[in-house]
Amino acid sequence: MNRPLRFSTIPELHWPPGSTVGLMGGGQLGRMMAMAAARMGYRTHVFTDQQHTPAGEVAAAVTVASFSDQAALERFANSVQVVTYEFENVPLAAAKIVAERVAVRPGPNVLAIAQDRLAEKNFLSKAALPVAPYRGIE
């Protein structure tokens, strides 16, 4: 018997316009997210390990540091109200550090699934969602 999925045990939080949304990653998708957020009245703060990124050009704030720099990640987390990912290859350890201080949506557990294609297929299959036939190869 399939059980309904629970995506969160934390009560839903709301972040009003004027809040700062943290974006982990500074690419083109982050740029589009930052521009859309600004139109809705949100500020964005990008955390990226590269200088001169597309998202960084339009964000209200940018932190350029290694994704392994715990102090920089903590400062970033303390400066925003919520964080999301610009792409799925954000290091899981970095997402976990940030999630200890601020809401991260989707959470690091979802990021871990998205980074492993077999885990992703298994998750979707267990949720009774359609997936193409697949088999894991070791």
Protein backbone atom coordinates (compact mmCIF):
# COMPACT_ATOMS: atom_id res chain seq x y z
CA MET A 1 0.00 0.00 0.00
CA ASN A 2 1.35 3.42 -0.96
CA ARG A 3 1.38 6.08 1.73
CA PRO A 4 0.97 9.73 0.83
CA LEU A 5 4.25 11.61 0.76
CA ARG A 6 5.04 14.07 3.52
CA PHE A 7 7.29 16.76 2.21
CA SER A 8 7.79 18.58 5.49
CA THR A 9 7.20 18.17 9.17
CA ILE A 10 7.84 21.88 9.74
CA PRO A 11 4.80 24.17 9.69
CA GLU A 12 4.68 26.17 6.48
CA LEU A 13 6.37 29.53 6.84
CA HIS A 14 5.63 32.63 4.83
CA TRP A 15 8.09 35.28 3.81
CA PRO A 16 6.47 38.63 2.98
CA PRO A 17 7.73 40.95 0.27
CA GLY A 18 10.76 42.80 1.55
CA SER A 19 12.29 39.53 2.78
CA THR A 20 15.63 38.42 1.40
CA VAL A 21 15.78 35.15 -0.52
CA GLY A 22 19.15 33.42 -0.62
CA LEU A 23 20.15 31.71 -3.85
CA MET A 24 22.88 29.09 -3.73
CA GLY A 25 24.47 29.31 -7.16
CA GLY A 26 24.87 32.23 -9.50
CA GLY A 27 23.98 31.05 -12.99
CA GLN A 28 21.39 32.07 -15.56
CA LEU A 29 18.48 30.40 -13.73
CA GLY A 30 19.49 32.33 -10.60
CA ARG A 31 19.45 35.53 -12.64
CA MET A 32 15.87 34.84 -13.78
CA MET A 33 14.86 33.94 -10.21
CA ALA A 34 16.41 37.14 -8.83
CA MET A 35 14.69 39.29 -11.45
CA ALA A 36 11.31 37.65 -10.78
CA ALA A 37 11.82 38.01 -7.02
CA ALA A 38 12.59 41.72 -7.41
CA ARG A 39 9.38 42.25 -9.39
CA MET A 40 7.48 40.70 -6.45
CA GLY A 41 9.23 42.92 -3.90
CA TYR A 42 11.87 40.49 -2.63
CA ARG A 43 15.59 41.06 -2.29
CA THR A 44 18.01 38.31 -3.30
CA HIS A 45 21.41 37.40 -1.96
CA VAL A 46 23.47 35.06 -4.13
CA PHE A 47 26.08 32.68 -2.73
CA THR A 48 28.47 31.61 -5.47
CA ASP A 49 32.00 30.34 -5.78
CA GLN A 50 32.62 32.37 -8.96
CA GLN A 51 33.19 36.05 -9.68
CA HIS A 52 30.94 37.89 -12.15
CA THR A 53 27.96 35.53 -12.39
CA PRO A 54 24.67 36.19 -14.22
CA ALA A 55 22.68 36.11 -10.96
CA GLY A 56 25.23 38.25 -9.18
CA GLU A 57 24.72 41.02 -11.73
CA VAL A 58 21.09 41.53 -10.66
CA ALA A 59 21.02 40.42 -7.00
CA ALA A 60 20.88 42.89 -4.13
CA ALA A 61 23.85 41.16 -2.47
CA VAL A 62 26.48 38.61 -3.47
CA THR A 63 28.80 36.43 -1.45
CA VAL A 64 31.70 34.97 -3.42
CA ALA A 65 33.29 32.15 -1.44
CA SER A 66 33.96 28.45 -1.61
CA PHE A 67 31.01 26.17 -0.92
CA SER A 68 33.29 24.57 1.69
CA ASP A 69 33.81 27.87 3.58
CA GLN A 70 31.66 27.25 6.66
CA ALA A 71 32.05 30.78 8.04
CA ALA A 72 30.95 32.35 4.74
CA LEU A 73 27.98 29.96 4.51
CA GLU A 74 26.94 30.85 8.06
CA ARG A 75 27.18 34.61 7.35
CA PHE A 76 25.12 34.09 4.19
CA ALA A 77 22.47 32.08 6.07
CA ASN A 78 22.26 34.74 8.78
CA SER A 79 21.61 37.46 6.17
CA VAL A 80 18.53 35.90 4.53
CA GLN A 81 15.09 34.64 5.55
CA VAL A 82 14.91 31.61 3.23
CA VAL A 83 17.25 29.85 0.81
CA THR A 84 16.77 27.90 -2.39
CA TYR A 85 19.09 26.40 -4.99
CA GLU A 86 19.92 27.81 -8.38
CA PHE A 87 20.99 24.35 -9.58
CA GLU A 88 21.04 20.82 -8.19
CA ASN A 89 24.81 20.48 -7.95
CA VAL A 90 25.18 22.64 -4.85
CA PRO A 91 27.37 20.60 -2.50
CA LEU A 92 25.13 18.77 -0.04
CA ALA A 93 27.42 19.63 2.90
CA ALA A 94 26.99 23.35 2.12
CA ALA A 95 23.20 23.03 2.00
CA LYS A 96 23.23 21.27 5.37
CA ILE A 97 25.31 24.03 6.97
CA VAL A 98 22.89 26.68 5.71
CA ALA A 99 19.84 24.62 6.75
CA GLU A 100 21.08 24.61 10.35
CA ARG A 101 20.49 28.39 10.45
CA VAL A 102 17.67 29.22 8.04
CA ALA A 103 14.82 27.55 6.15
CA VAL A 104 16.03 25.90 2.95
CA ARG A 105 13.44 24.93 0.34
CA PRO A 106 13.59 22.27 -0.87
CA GLY A 107 15.52 20.81 2.03
CA PRO A 108 18.92 19.12 1.79
CA ASN A 109 17.27 15.68 1.83
CA VAL A 110 15.54 16.55 -1.46
CA LEU A 111 18.79 17.94 -2.87
CA ALA A 112 20.50 14.62 -2.08
CA ILE A 113 17.85 12.76 -4.08
CA ALA A 114 18.13 15.20 -7.01
CA GLN A 115 21.90 14.66 -7.14
CA ASP A 116 21.59 10.88 -7.55
CA ARG A 117 19.65 9.87 -10.66
CA LEU A 118 18.98 6.31 -9.41
CA ALA A 119 17.75 7.61 -6.05
CA GLU A 120 15.62 10.13 -7.94
CA LYS A 121 14.02 7.40 -10.11
CA ASN A 122 13.44 5.19 -7.05
CA PHE A 123 11.85 8.08 -5.16
CA LEU A 124 9.51 8.89 -8.04
CA SER A 125 8.60 5.22 -8.50
CA LYS A 126 7.81 4.82 -4.79
CA ALA A 127 5.60 7.89 -5.05
CA ALA A 128 3.68 6.09 -7.83
CA LEU A 129 4.70 8.72 -10.37
CA PRO A 130 5.34 7.62 -13.95
CA VAL A 131 8.97 7.03 -14.90
CA ALA A 132 10.55 5.41 -17.93
CA PRO A 133 11.77 1.85 -17.34
CA TYR A 134 15.19 1.88 -15.70
CA ARG A 135 17.78 -0.32 -14.06
CA GLY A 136 20.68 0.61 -11.84
CA ILE A 137 24.16 -0.24 -13.09
CA GLU A 138 27.03 -0.69 -10.67
